[in-house]
């Protein structure tokens, strides 16, 4: 009798499954790929801390403008520099930084500090020109930066460099007007350059054009430059009025108060009657005192206001008060040097 053999119920030989092997290979390759993506940063691990939100360029610019109006020019510069790092291809950003850096030089004490800051401003203006070579506003502000660099006090042994700066400033101003003949700032900055070139009649013509523009009243630069022109022409009362308009627009710019006070002092000096001159001298001292107060508020150790007060008291013949303010200005200068050079001992 033929009996069929038993089937191996419990000793079944393993059999390979091609589909299962293919699945394992796919999973292995997928795991390797995922590890590579994690290492390169394309895939973030689970439960990783979320990154801090990135600030927008506009927030840096708004912060910089606020600091600038508050008179804290160093923080304004830092905010604009952060914006420049975030958006390095914005010409308007760089040229506004150049303007702020230029005005910030008026808050500095020593000529080497002023010179270094103005050269930084020129670097920023040059970047703006590289990005927007046919922009009227860019060339206008570069002309302004070059004009402030053309300062004899900064280059006493190299007057040719001063003249080179001045010539280049004029070229940029004319180029700005070539691109936009009604650019208010370009007209005003060109007037300032012409004043420094002692071309007063031409300066008056361009200043009149700037003042005729509808936005002139809202621009501190226009009133400052017009005041500078009037002061140069000996029209001190009118110059004071323009400085006051500039102060209304930028109330924390102490150098505007110093110029207004200096014009009052000059007016008082020309008054022959001492009793009539005294109220004018007192008005001069008011402006210098306001500059002192603002410097205290914004943390600037500038001896300039105290020296201006001392000079005013000297003209009044009050030499004790003058000496006291000179001592105060020297203490402020020492504090400024100590803050700039912490390891240095001021004697």
C-alpha atoms as a PDB file:
ATOM      1  CA  UNK A   1       0.000   0.000   0.000  1.00  0.00           C
ATOM      2  CA  UNK A   2       1.382   3.348  -1.054  1.00  0.00           C
ATOM      3  CA  UNK A   3       1.276   5.862   1.815  1.00  0.00           C
ATOM      4  CA  UNK A   4       2.207   9.457   0.906  1.00  0.00           C
ATOM      5  CA  UNK A   5       4.993  10.958   3.062  1.00  0.00           C
ATOM      6  CA  UNK A   6       4.105  13.314   5.898  1.00  0.00           C
ATOM      7  CA  UNK A   7       4.347  17.062   5.405  1.00  0.00           C
ATOM      8  CA  UNK A   8       6.804  18.800   7.706  1.00  0.00           C
ATOM      9  CA  UNK A   9       4.418  20.788   9.820  1.00  0.00           C
ATOM     10  CA  UNK A  10       6.995  22.134  12.301  1.00  0.00           C
ATOM     11  CA  UNK A  11      10.309  21.890  10.403  1.00  0.00           C
ATOM     12  CA  UNK A  12       9.544  24.076   7.409  1.00  0.00           C
ATOM     13  CA  UNK A  13      12.675  25.334   5.623  1.00  0.00           C
ATOM     14  CA  UNK A  14      12.966  29.104   5.391  1.00  0.00           C
ATOM     15  CA  UNK A  15      12.200  30.511   2.005  1.00  0.00           C
ATOM     16  CA  UNK A  16      13.450  33.908   0.751  1.00  0.00           C
ATOM     17  CA  UNK A  17      10.881  36.470  -0.375  1.00  0.00           C
ATOM     18  CA  UNK A  18      12.152  38.848  -3.077  1.00  0.00           C
ATOM     19  CA  UNK A  19       9.533  41.491  -2.250  1.00  0.00           C
ATOM     20  CA  UNK A  20      10.480  41.547   1.426  1.00  0.00           C
ATOM     21  CA  UNK A  21      14.154  41.929   0.545  1.00  0.00           C
ATOM     22  CA  UNK A  22      13.365  44.813  -1.789  1.00  0.00           C
ATOM     23  CA  UNK A  23      11.389  46.541   0.991  1.00  0.00           C
ATOM     24  CA  UNK A  24      14.317  46.212   3.420  1.00  0.00           C
ATOM     25  CA  UNK A  25      16.727  47.672   0.867  1.00  0.00           C
ATOM     26  CA  UNK A  26      14.423  50.634   0.222  1.00  0.00           C
ATOM     27  CA  UNK A  27      14.089  51.308   3.960  1.00  0.00           C
ATOM     28  CA  UNK A  28      17.867  51.088   4.425  1.00  0.00           C
ATOM     29  CA  UNK A  29      18.564  53.509   1.596  1.00  0.00           C
ATOM     30  CA  UNK A  30      15.870  55.853   2.907  1.00  0.00           C
ATOM     31  CA  UNK A  31      17.465  55.876   6.369  1.00  0.00           C
ATOM     32  CA  UNK A  32      20.883  56.706   4.892  1.00  0.00           C
ATOM     33  CA  UNK A  33      19.397  59.536   2.836  1.00  0.00           C
ATOM     34  CA  UNK A  34      17.588  60.961   5.880  1.00  0.00           C
ATOM     35  CA  UNK A  35      20.810  60.973   7.953  1.00  0.00           C
ATOM     36  CA  UNK A  36      22.585  62.832   5.175  1.00  0.00           C
ATOM     37  CA  UNK A  37      19.805  65.443   5.002  1.00  0.00           C
ATOM     38  CA  UNK A  38      19.928  65.977   8.772  1.00  0.00           C
ATOM     39  CA  UNK A  39      23.698  66.443   8.649  1.00  0.00           C
ATOM     40  CA  UNK A  40      23.410  69.051   5.895  1.00  0.00           C
ATOM     41  CA  UNK A  41      20.601  70.851   7.715  1.00  0.00           C
ATOM     42  CA  UNK A  42      17.957  70.188   5.055  1.00  0.00           C
ATOM     43  CA  UNK A  43      15.896  68.251   7.596  1.00  0.00           C
ATOM     44  CA  UNK A  44      15.624  69.553  11.167  1.00  0.00           C
ATOM     45  CA  UNK A  45      15.543  67.038  14.054  1.00  0.00           C
ATOM     46  CA  UNK A  46      12.301  66.752  15.981  1.00  0.00           C
ATOM     47  CA  UNK A  47      11.865  68.836  19.151  1.00  0.00           C
ATOM     48  CA  UNK A  48      14.662  71.227  18.152  1.00  0.00           C
ATOM     49  CA  UNK A  49      14.234  74.756  19.578  1.00  0.00           C
ATOM     50  CA  UNK A  50      12.656  77.133  17.102  1.00  0.00           C
ATOM     51  CA  UNK A  51      14.971  79.946  15.872  1.00  0.00           C
ATOM     52  CA  UNK A  52      14.427  83.511  17.058  1.00  0.00           C
ATOM     53  CA  UNK A  53      12.391  85.645  14.633  1.00  0.00           C
ATOM     54  CA  UNK A  54      14.555  87.682  12.227  1.00  0.00           C
ATOM     55  CA  UNK A  55      14.095  91.459  12.441  1.00  0.00           C
ATOM     56  CA  UNK A  56      12.991  93.203   9.283  1.00  0.00           C
ATOM     57  CA  UNK A  57      15.141  95.834   7.601  1.00  0.00           C
ATOM     58  CA  UNK A  58      12.380  98.401   8.096  1.00  0.00           C
ATOM     59  CA  UNK A  59      12.463  97.892  11.867  1.00  0.00           C
ATOM     60  CA  UNK A  60      16.190  98.708  11.925  1.00  0.00           C
ATOM     61  CA  UNK A  61      15.613 101.819   9.798  1.00  0.00           C
ATOM     62  CA  UNK A  62      12.764 103.055  12.005  1.00  0.00           C
ATOM     63  CA  UNK A  63      14.912 102.466  15.075  1.00  0.00           C
ATOM     64  CA  UNK A  64      17.817 104.332  13.463  1.00  0.00           C
ATOM     65  CA  UNK A  65      15.632 107.321  12.560  1.00  0.00           C
ATOM     66  CA  UNK A  66      14.283 107.466  16.115  1.00  0.00           C
ATOM     67  CA  UNK A  67      17.779 107.419  17.611  1.00  0.00           C
ATOM     68  CA  UNK A  68      18.917 110.080  15.134  1.00  0.00           C
ATOM     69  CA  UNK A  69      16.072 112.433  16.075  1.00  0.00           C
ATOM     70  CA  UNK A  70      16.805 111.799  19.750  1.00  0.00           C
ATOM     71  CA  UNK A  71      20.399 112.913  19.208  1.00  0.00           C
ATOM     72  CA  UNK A  72      21.809 109.449  19.924  1.00  0.00           C
ATOM     73  CA  UNK A  73      23.761 109.330  16.693  1.00  0.00           C
ATOM     74  CA  UNK A  74      25.980 106.380  17.612  1.00  0.00           C
ATOM     75  CA  UNK A  75      22.999 104.092  18.140  1.00  0.00           C
ATOM     76  CA  UNK A  76      21.422 105.464  14.961  1.00  0.00           C
ATOM     77  CA  UNK A  77      24.544 104.474  13.051  1.00  0.00           C
ATOM     78  CA  UNK A  78      24.524 100.985  14.602  1.00  0.00           C
ATOM     79  CA  UNK A  79      20.880 100.444  13.586  1.00  0.00           C
ATOM     80  CA  UNK A  80      21.554 101.501  10.000  1.00  0.00           C
ATOM     81  CA  UNK A  81      24.634  99.285   9.847  1.00  0.00           C
ATOM     82  CA  UNK A  82      22.518  96.308  10.964  1.00  0.00           C
ATOM     83  CA  UNK A  83      20.015  97.177   8.233  1.00  0.00           C
ATOM     84  CA  UNK A  84      22.899  97.323   5.746  1.00  0.00           C
ATOM     85  CA  UNK A  85      24.040  93.850   6.729  1.00  0.00           C
ATOM     86  CA  UNK A  86      20.491  92.553   6.255  1.00  0.00           C
ATOM     87  CA  UNK A  87      20.000  94.313   2.914  1.00  0.00           C
ATOM     88  CA  UNK A  88      23.382  95.331   1.445  1.00  0.00           C
ATOM     89  CA  UNK A  89      21.971  96.258  -1.973  1.00  0.00           C
ATOM     90  CA  UNK A  90      19.758  99.161  -0.875  1.00  0.00           C
ATOM     91  CA  UNK A  91      21.400 102.379  -2.115  1.00  0.00           C
ATOM     92  CA  UNK A  92      19.021 104.658  -0.176  1.00  0.00           C
ATOM     93  CA  UNK A  93      19.908 102.869   3.048  1.00  0.00           C
ATOM     94  CA  UNK A  94      23.632 103.439   2.514  1.00  0.00           C
ATOM     95  CA  UNK A  95      23.275 107.074   1.528  1.00  0.00           C
ATOM     96  CA  UNK A  96      21.101 107.843   4.563  1.00  0.00           C
ATOM     97  CA  UNK A  97      23.708 106.145   6.742  1.00  0.00           C
ATOM     98  CA  UNK A  98      26.310 108.434   5.126  1.00  0.00           C
ATOM     99  CA  UNK A  99      24.203 111.482   6.014  1.00  0.00           C
ATOM    100  CA  UNK A 100      23.821 110.360   9.638  1.00  0.00           C
ATOM    101  CA  UNK A 101      27.539 109.595   9.933  1.00  0.00           C
ATOM    102  CA  UNK A 102      28.374 113.043   8.573  1.00  0.00           C
ATOM    103  CA  UNK A 103      26.135 114.874  11.029  1.00  0.00           C
ATOM    104  CA  UNK A 104      27.399 112.661  13.852  1.00  0.00           C
ATOM    105  CA  UNK A 105      30.881 114.162  13.356  1.00  0.00           C
ATOM    106  CA  UNK A 106      29.503 117.413  14.830  1.00  0.00           C
ATOM    107  CA  UNK A 107      28.941 115.554  18.132  1.00  0.00           C
ATOM    108  CA  UNK A 108      32.557 114.367  18.337  1.00  0.00           C
ATOM    109  CA  UNK A 109      35.291 116.168  20.256  1.00  0.00           C
ATOM    110  CA  UNK A 110      38.679 115.723  18.622  1.00  0.00           C
ATOM    111  CA  UNK A 111      39.699 116.314  15.022  1.00  0.00           C
ATOM    112  CA  UNK A 112      41.030 112.732  14.571  1.00  0.00           C
ATOM    113  CA  UNK A 113      37.612 111.400  15.653  1.00  0.00           C
ATOM    114  CA  UNK A 114      35.816 113.746  13.265  1.00  0.00           C
ATOM    115  CA  UNK A 115      38.147 112.855  10.399  1.00  0.00           C
ATOM    116  CA  UNK A 116      37.688 109.102  10.914  1.00  0.00           C
ATOM    117  CA  UNK A 117      33.886 109.413  11.102  1.00  0.00           C
ATOM    118  CA  UNK A 118      33.697 111.550   7.954  1.00  0.00           C
ATOM    119  CA  UNK A 119      35.808 109.044   6.027  1.00  0.00           C
ATOM    120  CA  UNK A 120      33.415 106.295   7.177  1.00  0.00           C
ATOM    121  CA  UNK A 121      30.570 108.428   5.847  1.00  0.00           C
ATOM    122  CA  UNK A 122      32.358 108.729   2.514  1.00  0.00           C
ATOM    123  CA  UNK A 123      32.728 104.933   2.333  1.00  0.00           C
ATOM    124  CA  UNK A 124      28.964 104.571   2.870  1.00  0.00           C
ATOM    125  CA  UNK A 125      28.223 107.195   0.209  1.00  0.00           C
ATOM    126  CA  UNK A 126      30.556 105.437  -2.232  1.00  0.00           C
ATOM    127  CA  UNK A 127      28.658 102.169  -1.715  1.00  0.00           C
ATOM    128  CA  UNK A 128      25.411 103.975  -2.500  1.00  0.00           C
ATOM    129  CA  UNK A 129      26.874 105.358  -5.731  1.00  0.00           C
ATOM    130  CA  UNK A 130      28.020 101.865  -6.769  1.00  0.00           C
ATOM    131  CA  UNK A 131      24.442 100.625  -6.323  1.00  0.00           C
ATOM    132  CA  UNK A 132      22.636 103.610  -7.885  1.00  0.00           C
ATOM    133  CA  UNK A 133      24.998 105.627 -10.050  1.00  0.00           C
ATOM    134  CA  UNK A 134      22.194 107.663 -11.654  1.00  0.00           C
ATOM    135  CA  UNK A 135      20.233 108.532  -8.508  1.00  0.00           C
ATOM    136  CA  UNK A 136      20.035 112.277  -7.839  1.00  0.00           C
ATOM    137  CA  UNK A 137      19.602 111.906  -4.081  1.00  0.00           C
ATOM    138  CA  UNK A 138      22.621 109.602  -3.811  1.00  0.00           C
ATOM    139  CA  UNK A 139      24.904 112.107  -5.533  1.00  0.00           C
ATOM    140  CA  UNK A 140      23.438 115.014  -3.546  1.00  0.00           C
ATOM    141  CA  UNK A 141      24.252 113.428  -0.194  1.00  0.00           C
ATOM    142  CA  UNK A 142      27.684 112.293  -1.407  1.00  0.00           C
ATOM    143  CA  UNK A 143      28.354 115.948  -2.316  1.00  0.00           C
ATOM    144  CA  UNK A 144      27.357 116.915   1.259  1.00  0.00           C
ATOM    145  CA  UNK A 145      29.679 114.259   2.722  1.00  0.00           C
ATOM    146  CA  UNK A 146      32.598 115.400   0.555  1.00  0.00           C
ATOM    147  CA  UNK A 147      32.014 119.042   1.498  1.00  0.00           C
ATOM    148  CA  UNK A 148      32.211 118.262   5.221  1.00  0.00           C
ATOM    149  CA  UNK A 149      35.370 116.239   4.578  1.00  0.00           C
ATOM    150  CA  UNK A 150      36.867 119.379   2.976  1.00  0.00           C
ATOM    151  CA  UNK A 151      37.687 120.832   6.383  1.00  0.00           C
ATOM    152  CA  UNK A 152      41.011 122.631   6.806  1.00  0.00           C
ATOM    153  CA  UNK A 153      41.123 121.724  10.502  1.00  0.00           C
ATOM    154  CA  UNK A 154      41.184 118.025   9.568  1.00  0.00           C
ATOM    155  CA  UNK A 155      43.958 118.387   6.971  1.00  0.00           C
ATOM    156  CA  UNK A 156      46.091 121.334   8.171  1.00  0.00           C
ATOM    157  CA  UNK A 157      49.175 120.002   6.367  1.00  0.00           C
ATOM    158  CA  UNK A 158      47.428 118.886   3.194  1.00  0.00           C
ATOM    159  CA  UNK A 159      45.336 121.712   1.804  1.00  0.00           C
ATOM    160  CA  UNK A 160      45.465 120.100  -1.626  1.00  0.00           C
ATOM    161  CA  UNK A 161      43.392 117.223  -0.231  1.00  0.00           C
ATOM    162  CA  UNK A 162      40.880 119.753   1.080  1.00  0.00           C
ATOM    163  CA  UNK A 163      40.613 121.249  -2.388  1.00  0.00           C
ATOM    164  CA  UNK A 164      40.236 117.821  -3.985  1.00  0.00           C
ATOM    165  CA  UNK A 165      37.335 117.028  -1.655  1.00  0.00           C
ATOM    166  CA  UNK A 166      35.731 120.375  -2.466  1.00  0.00           C
ATOM    167  CA  UNK A 167      36.105 119.958  -6.228  1.00  0.00           C
ATOM    168  CA  UNK A 168      34.673 116.447  -6.109  1.00  0.00           C
ATOM    169  CA  UNK A 169      31.789 117.691  -3.959  1.00  0.00           C
ATOM    170  CA  UNK A 170      30.921 120.284  -6.600  1.00  0.00           C
ATOM    171  CA  UNK A 171      31.006 117.643  -9.355  1.00  0.00           C
ATOM    172  CA  UNK A 172      28.634 115.390  -7.414  1.00  0.00           C
ATOM    173  CA  UNK A 173      26.236 118.250  -6.668  1.00  0.00           C
ATOM    174  CA  UNK A 174      26.096 119.221 -10.340  1.00  0.00           C
ATOM    175  CA  UNK A 175      25.572 115.587 -11.293  1.00  0.00           C
ATOM    176  CA  UNK A 176      22.683 115.338  -8.811  1.00  0.00           C
ATOM    177  CA  UNK A 177      21.082 118.416 -10.367  1.00  0.00           C
ATOM    178  CA  UNK A 178      21.665 117.014 -13.829  1.00  0.00           C
ATOM    179  CA  UNK A 179      19.629 113.936 -12.880  1.00  0.00           C
ATOM    180  CA  UNK A 180      16.938 116.021 -11.103  1.00  0.00           C
ATOM    181  CA  UNK A 181      17.115 119.807 -11.369  1.00  0.00           C
ATOM    182  CA  UNK A 182      14.447 120.323  -8.672  1.00  0.00           C
ATOM    183  CA  UNK A 183      16.046 118.133  -6.000  1.00  0.00           C
ATOM    184  CA  UNK A 184      15.748 120.333  -2.889  1.00  0.00           C
ATOM    185  CA  UNK A 185      18.628 118.743  -1.016  1.00  0.00           C
ATOM    186  CA  UNK A 186      20.878 118.888  -4.068  1.00  0.00           C
ATOM    187  CA  UNK A 187      20.171 122.628  -4.436  1.00  0.00           C
ATOM    188  CA  UNK A 188      20.853 123.269  -0.742  1.00  0.00           C
ATOM    189  CA  UNK A 189      24.012 121.152  -0.581  1.00  0.00           C
ATOM    190  CA  UNK A 190      25.359 122.851  -3.700  1.00  0.00           C
ATOM    191  CA  UNK A 191      24.719 126.215  -2.029  1.00  0.00           C
ATOM    192  CA  UNK A 192      26.746 125.033   0.982  1.00  0.00           C
ATOM    193  CA  UNK A 193      29.620 124.000  -1.289  1.00  0.00           C
ATOM    194  CA  UNK A 194      29.530 127.403  -3.011  1.00  0.00           C
ATOM    195  CA  UNK A 195      29.696 129.126   0.395  1.00  0.00           C
ATOM    196  CA  UNK A 196      32.810 127.122   1.225  1.00  0.00           C
ATOM    197  CA  UNK A 197      34.247 128.137  -2.146  1.00  0.00           C
ATOM    198  CA  UNK A 198      33.468 131.772  -1.232  1.00  0.00           C
ATOM    199  CA  UNK A 199      31.113 132.094  -4.208  1.00  0.00           C
ATOM    200  CA  UNK A 200      28.443 133.863  -2.191  1.00  0.00           C
ATOM    201  CA  UNK A 201      26.358 135.310  -5.035  1.00  0.00           C
ATOM    202  CA  UNK A 202      25.960 131.890  -6.654  1.00  0.00           C
ATOM    203  CA  UNK A 203      25.229 130.359  -3.264  1.00  0.00           C
ATOM    204  CA  UNK A 204      22.363 132.834  -2.750  1.00  0.00           C
ATOM    205  CA  UNK A 205      20.858 131.920  -6.138  1.00  0.00           C
ATOM    206  CA  UNK A 206      20.844 128.187  -5.425  1.00  0.00           C
ATOM    207  CA  UNK A 207      19.627 128.739  -1.863  1.00  0.00           C
ATOM    208  CA  UNK A 208      16.669 130.737  -3.156  1.00  0.00           C
ATOM    209  CA  UNK A 209      15.792 127.871  -5.499  1.00  0.00           C
ATOM    210  CA  UNK A 210      15.965 125.381  -2.622  1.00  0.00           C
ATOM    211  CA  UNK A 211      13.764 127.565  -0.394  1.00  0.00           C
ATOM    212  CA  UNK A 212      11.181 127.847  -3.183  1.00  0.00           C
ATOM    213  CA  UNK A 213      10.630 124.096  -3.242  1.00  0.00           C
ATOM    214  CA  UNK A 214       7.415 122.869  -1.498  1.00  0.00           C
ATOM    215  CA  UNK A 215       9.273 120.487   0.836  1.00  0.00           C
ATOM    216  CA  UNK A 216      11.912 123.010   1.949  1.00  0.00           C
ATOM    217  CA  UNK A 217      10.204 123.916   5.238  1.00  0.00           C
ATOM    218  CA  UNK A 218      10.291 120.284   6.387  1.00  0.00           C
ATOM    219  CA  UNK A 219      14.021 119.768   5.770  1.00  0.00           C
ATOM    220  CA  UNK A 220      16.404 120.664   8.586  1.00  0.00           C
ATOM    221  CA  UNK A 221      19.309 120.663   6.118  1.00  0.00           C
ATOM    222  CA  UNK A 222      17.779 123.522   4.110  1.00  0.00           C
ATOM    223  CA  UNK A 223      17.285 125.778   7.148  1.00  0.00           C
ATOM    224  CA  UNK A 224      20.749 124.927   8.513  1.00  0.00           C
ATOM    225  CA  UNK A 225      22.471 125.793   5.240  1.00  0.00           C
ATOM    226  CA  UNK A 226      20.430 128.978   4.777  1.00  0.00           C
ATOM    227  CA  UNK A 227      21.394 130.018   8.312  1.00  0.00           C
ATOM    228  CA  UNK A 228      25.044 129.294   7.463  1.00  0.00           C
ATOM    229  CA  UNK A 229      24.762 131.507   4.361  1.00  0.00           C
ATOM    230  CA  UNK A 230      23.096 134.371   6.262  1.00  0.00           C
ATOM    231  CA  UNK A 231      25.670 134.099   9.045  1.00  0.00           C
ATOM    232  CA  UNK A 232      28.480 134.273   6.480  1.00  0.00           C
ATOM    233  CA  UNK A 233      26.911 137.401   4.984  1.00  0.00           C
ATOM    234  CA  UNK A 234      26.684 139.023   8.425  1.00  0.00           C
ATOM    235  CA  UNK A 235      22.879 138.859   8.628  1.00  0.00           C
ATOM    236  CA  UNK A 236      22.868 137.473  12.152  1.00  0.00           C
ATOM    237  CA  UNK A 237      19.226 138.136  13.063  1.00  0.00           C
ATOM    238  CA  UNK A 238      18.003 136.274   9.983  1.00  0.00           C
ATOM    239  CA  UNK A 239      20.524 133.501  10.606  1.00  0.00           C
ATOM    240  CA  UNK A 240      19.149 133.010  14.123  1.00  0.00           C
ATOM    241  CA  UNK A 241      15.629 132.700  12.736  1.00  0.00           C
ATOM    242  CA  UNK A 242      16.778 129.953  10.355  1.00  0.00           C
ATOM    243  CA  UNK A 243      18.700 128.118  13.080  1.00  0.00           C
ATOM    244  CA  UNK A 244      15.547 128.189  15.214  1.00  0.00           C
ATOM    245  CA  UNK A 245      13.581 126.618  12.348  1.00  0.00           C
ATOM    246  CA  UNK A 246      16.222 123.898  12.069  1.00  0.00           C
ATOM    247  CA  UNK A 247      16.055 123.344  15.844  1.00  0.00           C
ATOM    248  CA  UNK A 248      12.274 122.944  15.637  1.00  0.00           C
ATOM    249  CA  UNK A 249      12.794 120.066  13.189  1.00  0.00           C
ATOM    250  CA  UNK A 250      15.737 118.488  15.072  1.00  0.00           C
ATOM    251  CA  UNK A 251      15.489 119.664  18.709  1.00  0.00           C
ATOM    252  CA  UNK A 252      18.313 117.433  19.982  1.00  0.00           C
ATOM    253  CA  UNK A 253      21.088 118.622  17.656  1.00  0.00           C
ATOM    254  CA  UNK A 254      23.276 120.620  20.035  1.00  0.00           C
ATOM    255  CA  UNK A 255      25.506 122.095  17.329  1.00  0.00           C
ATOM    256  CA  UNK A 256      22.470 124.044  16.048  1.00  0.00           C
ATOM    257  CA  UNK A 257      22.047 125.632  19.496  1.00  0.00           C
ATOM    258  CA  UNK A 258      25.743 126.527  19.573  1.00  0.00           C
ATOM    259  CA  UNK A 259      25.515 128.301  16.222  1.00  0.00           C
ATOM    260  CA  UNK A 260      22.359 130.205  17.239  1.00  0.00           C
ATOM    261  CA  UNK A 261      24.011 131.220  20.514  1.00  0.00           C
ATOM    262  CA  UNK A 262      27.149 132.342  18.703  1.00  0.00           C
ATOM    263  CA  UNK A 263      25.051 134.587  16.443  1.00  0.00           C
ATOM    264  CA  UNK A 264      23.372 136.183  19.464  1.00  0.00           C
ATOM    265  CA  UNK A 265      26.793 136.789  20.995  1.00  0.00           C
ATOM    266  CA  UNK A 266      28.008 138.409  17.790  1.00  0.00           C
ATOM    267  CA  UNK A 267      24.945 140.679  17.736  1.00  0.00           C
ATOM    268  CA  UNK A 268      25.557 141.665  21.361  1.00  0.00           C
ATOM    269  CA  UNK A 269      29.210 142.424  20.660  1.00  0.00           C
ATOM    270  CA  UNK A 270      28.183 145.003  18.036  1.00  0.00           C
ATOM    271  CA  UNK A 271      25.832 146.847  20.425  1.00  0.00           C
ATOM    272  CA  UNK A 272      27.654 149.838  21.904  1.00  0.00           C
ATOM    273  CA  UNK A 273      25.365 150.349  24.904  1.00  0.00           C
ATOM    274  CA  UNK A 274      26.244 147.715  27.588  1.00  0.00           C
ATOM    275  CA  UNK A 275      22.749 147.835  29.096  1.00  0.00           C
ATOM    276  CA  UNK A 276      21.182 147.160  25.687  1.00  0.00           C
ATOM    277  CA  UNK A 277      23.706 144.421  24.936  1.00  0.00           C
ATOM    278  CA  UNK A 278      23.119 142.522  28.191  1.00  0.00           C
ATOM    279  CA  UNK A 279      19.738 140.922  27.241  1.00  0.00           C
ATOM    280  CA  UNK A 280      21.249 139.756  23.948  1.00  0.00           C
ATOM    281  CA  UNK A 281      24.187 138.170  25.779  1.00  0.00           C
ATOM    282  CA  UNK A 282      21.688 136.468  28.108  1.00  0.00           C
ATOM    283  CA  UNK A 283      19.843 135.091  25.084  1.00  0.00           C
ATOM    284  CA  UNK A 284      23.134 133.697  23.837  1.00  0.00           C
ATOM    285  CA  UNK A 285      23.735 132.003  27.191  1.00  0.00           C
ATOM    286  CA  UNK A 286      20.234 130.476  27.085  1.00  0.00           C
ATOM    287  CA  UNK A 287      21.082 128.600  23.894  1.00  0.00           C
ATOM    288  CA  UNK A 288      24.391 127.374  25.282  1.00  0.00           C
ATOM    289  CA  UNK A 289      22.649 126.223  28.478  1.00  0.00           C
ATOM    290  CA  UNK A 290      20.106 124.291  26.427  1.00  0.00           C
ATOM    291  CA  UNK A 291      22.966 122.572  24.615  1.00  0.00           C
ATOM    292  CA  UNK A 292      24.476 121.599  27.992  1.00  0.00           C
ATOM    293  CA  UNK A 293      21.147 120.143  29.149  1.00  0.00           C
ATOM    294  CA  UNK A 294      20.671 118.135  25.956  1.00  0.00           C
ATOM    295  CA  UNK A 295      24.198 116.730  26.207  1.00  0.00           C
ATOM    296  CA  UNK A 296      23.414 115.577  29.737  1.00  0.00           C
ATOM    297  CA  UNK A 297      20.227 113.873  28.549  1.00  0.00           C
ATOM    298  CA  UNK A 298      21.880 112.013  25.671  1.00  0.00           C
ATOM    299  CA  UNK A 299      25.101 111.278  27.575  1.00  0.00           C
ATOM    300  CA  UNK A 300      27.527 113.358  25.487  1.00  0.00           C
ATOM    301  CA  UNK A 301      30.583 114.745  27.298  1.00  0.00           C
ATOM    302  CA  UNK A 302      31.107 117.657  24.927  1.00  0.00           C
ATOM    303  CA  UNK A 303      33.075 120.622  26.337  1.00  0.00           C
ATOM    304  CA  UNK A 304      31.899 122.848  23.464  1.00  0.00           C
ATOM    305  CA  UNK A 305      28.847 124.412  25.184  1.00  0.00           C
ATOM    306  CA  UNK A 306      30.873 125.254  28.307  1.00  0.00           C
ATOM    307  CA  UNK A 307      33.613 126.832  26.209  1.00  0.00           C
ATOM    308  CA  UNK A 308      30.968 128.913  24.419  1.00  0.00           C
ATOM    309  CA  UNK A 309      29.557 130.018  27.784  1.00  0.00           C
ATOM    310  CA  UNK A 310      33.068 130.910  28.963  1.00  0.00           C
ATOM    311  CA  UNK A 311      33.704 132.996  25.839  1.00  0.00           C
ATOM    312  CA  UNK A 312      30.426 134.852  26.364  1.00  0.00           C
ATOM    313  CA  UNK A 313      31.231 135.630  30.000  1.00  0.00           C
ATOM    314  CA  UNK A 314      34.671 136.843  28.911  1.00  0.00           C
ATOM    315  CA  UNK A 315      33.070 139.339  26.535  1.00  0.00           C
ATOM    316  CA  UNK A 316      30.884 140.486  29.433  1.00  0.00           C
ATOM    317  CA  UNK A 317      33.971 140.951  31.589  1.00  0.00           C
ATOM    318  CA  UNK A 318      32.855 138.287  34.095  1.00  0.00           C
ATOM    319  CA  UNK A 319      36.139 136.410  34.146  1.00  0.00           C
ATOM    320  CA  UNK A 320      35.428 134.351  37.281  1.00  0.00           C
ATOM    321  CA  UNK A 321      32.331 132.804  35.637  1.00  0.00           C
ATOM    322  CA  UNK A 322      34.324 132.310  32.446  1.00  0.00           C
ATOM    323  CA  UNK A 323      37.091 130.465  34.298  1.00  0.00           C
ATOM    324  CA  UNK A 324      34.557 128.257  36.080  1.00  0.00           C
ATOM    325  CA  UNK A 325      33.071 127.163  32.751  1.00  0.00           C
ATOM    326  CA  UNK A 326      36.520 126.537  31.274  1.00  0.00           C
ATOM    327  CA  UNK A 327      37.262 124.225  34.211  1.00  0.00           C
ATOM    328  CA  UNK A 328      33.926 122.488  33.687  1.00  0.00           C
ATOM    329  CA  UNK A 329      34.689 122.013  29.968  1.00  0.00           C
ATOM    330  CA  UNK A 330      38.088 120.542  30.839  1.00  0.00           C
ATOM    331  CA  UNK A 331      36.480 118.045  33.244  1.00  0.00           C
ATOM    332  CA  UNK A 332      34.050 116.989  30.516  1.00  0.00           C
ATOM    333  CA  UNK A 333      36.909 116.594  28.057  1.00  0.00           C
ATOM    334  CA  UNK A 334      38.747 114.378  30.547  1.00  0.00           C
ATOM    335  CA  UNK A 335      35.631 112.225  31.022  1.00  0.00           C
ATOM    336  CA  UNK A 336      35.292 111.930  27.250  1.00  0.00           C
ATOM    337  CA  UNK A 337      38.922 110.836  26.904  1.00  0.00           C
ATOM    338  CA  UNK A 338      38.517 108.389  29.791  1.00  0.00           C
ATOM    339  CA  UNK A 339      35.468 106.816  28.140  1.00  0.00           C
ATOM    340  CA  UNK A 340      37.286 106.582  24.804  1.00  0.00           C
ATOM    341  CA  UNK A 341      40.469 105.182  26.380  1.00  0.00           C
ATOM    342  CA  UNK A 342      39.439 103.325  29.575  1.00  0.00           C
ATOM    343  CA  UNK A 343      43.003 102.260  30.354  1.00  0.00           C
ATOM    344  CA  UNK A 344      44.323 105.794  30.023  1.00  0.00           C
ATOM    345  CA  UNK A 345      44.815 108.073  33.011  1.00  0.00           C
ATOM    346  CA  UNK A 346      43.785 111.693  32.332  1.00  0.00           C
ATOM    347  CA  UNK A 347      45.974 114.207  34.136  1.00  0.00           C
END
